Amino acid sequence: MRLLLQQRPAGPEAPRFVQLMLQPDLLGGWTLVRESGQIGGRSTLRKEQYLDQAAALAALEQARDQQLKRGFQLMFAQGADAPRS
């Protein structure tokens, strides 16, 4: 599952983005990958491990909701299990 959120720029700077991805790992757990930064610039990558899909999905939804409150807009969603709104 993958979500891409983008924030409109306030001036001449490039827009900011946040990408959230859920990936299964080889041991039966799940990884939430968060990438954020400016489009065309540097970005940061963080990974969080979860034991089950339900906990990972809840963390993804919470991260998505936090970014929506900060003014980001959902630009792209991909995956069979789309998160609840």
Protein backbone atom coordinates (compact mmCIF):
# COMPACT_ATOMS: atom_id res chain seq x y z
CA MET A 1 0.00 0.00 0.00
CA ARG A 2 1.27 3.46 -0.85
CA LEU A 3 -0.03 6.98 -0.16
CA LEU A 4 1.45 10.20 -1.53
CA LEU A 5 0.51 13.49 0.11
CA GLN A 6 1.61 16.93 -1.06
CA GLN A 7 1.47 20.41 0.45
CA ARG A 8 1.01 23.47 -1.71
CA PRO A 9 3.99 25.83 -1.59
CA ALA A 10 3.61 29.18 0.17
CA GLY A 11 5.91 30.98 -2.24
CA PRO A 12 8.49 30.24 -4.93
CA GLU A 13 9.80 27.14 -3.12
CA ALA A 14 9.07 23.60 -4.27
CA PRO A 15 6.10 21.79 -2.70
CA ARG A 16 6.66 19.43 0.22
CA PHE A 17 5.62 15.79 0.09
CA VAL A 18 5.07 12.83 2.40
CA GLN A 19 4.96 9.28 1.12
CA LEU A 20 3.66 6.47 3.36
CA MET A 21 4.17 2.84 2.38
CA LEU A 22 3.22 -0.44 4.07
CA GLN A 23 5.39 -3.42 3.19
CA PRO A 24 5.36 -6.99 4.50
CA ASP A 25 8.71 -8.25 5.75
CA LEU A 26 10.20 -11.73 5.46
CA LEU A 27 9.41 -12.67 9.07
CA GLY A 28 5.64 -12.12 8.88
CA GLY A 29 5.66 -8.56 10.24
CA TRP A 30 5.00 -5.25 8.54
CA THR A 31 7.11 -2.15 7.91
CA LEU A 32 5.74 1.39 7.69
CA VAL A 33 8.07 3.47 5.52
CA ARG A 34 7.77 7.27 5.77
CA GLU A 35 9.55 9.47 3.25
CA SER A 36 9.25 13.25 3.43
CA GLY A 37 10.95 16.29 1.97
CA GLN A 38 10.76 18.85 -0.80
CA ILE A 39 10.06 17.77 -4.35
CA GLY A 40 13.34 17.90 -6.24
CA GLY A 41 15.35 18.22 -3.01
CA ARG A 42 16.54 16.12 -0.13
CA SER A 43 14.23 13.75 1.66
CA THR A 44 14.30 11.75 4.87
CA LEU A 45 13.35 8.10 5.19
CA ARG A 46 12.09 6.45 8.39
CA LYS A 47 11.05 2.84 8.95
CA GLU A 48 8.88 1.45 11.75
CA GLN A 49 8.36 -2.27 12.38
CA TYR A 50 5.00 -3.80 13.42
CA LEU A 51 4.12 -7.37 14.32
CA ASP A 52 0.78 -7.51 12.51
CA GLN A 53 -0.96 -5.81 9.61
CA ALA A 54 -3.72 -4.28 11.76
CA ALA A 55 -1.22 -2.35 13.91
CA ALA A 56 0.73 -1.22 10.84
CA LEU A 57 -2.46 -0.08 9.09
CA ALA A 58 -3.56 1.85 12.19
CA ALA A 59 -0.16 3.60 12.29
CA LEU A 60 -0.42 4.46 8.57
CA GLU A 61 -3.90 5.91 9.04
CA GLN A 62 -2.75 7.95 12.04
CA ALA A 63 0.25 9.31 10.10
CA ARG A 64 -2.03 10.14 7.15
CA ASP A 65 -4.50 11.97 9.40
CA GLN A 66 -1.70 14.00 11.02
CA GLN A 67 -0.46 15.14 7.62
CA LEU A 68 -3.98 16.02 6.44
CA LYS A 69 -4.37 18.24 9.53
CA ARG A 70 -1.10 19.97 8.63
CA GLY A 71 -2.50 20.98 5.23
CA PHE A 72 -1.26 18.16 3.02
CA GLN A 73 -3.56 16.78 0.33
CA LEU A 74 -3.82 13.15 -0.75
CA MET A 75 -2.51 13.03 -4.32
CA PHE A 76 -2.14 9.29 -4.95
CA ALA A 77 -3.24 6.05 -3.28
CA GLN A 78 -2.23 2.57 -4.41
CA GLY A 79 -2.91 -0.85 -2.94
CA ALA A 80 -5.54 -3.54 -2.60
CA ASP A 81 -6.36 -2.61 1.00
CA ALA A 82 -7.03 1.11 0.72
CA PRO A 83 -7.09 2.73 4.18
CA ARG A 84 -10.38 3.83 5.70
CA SER A 85 -11.23 7.52 5.46
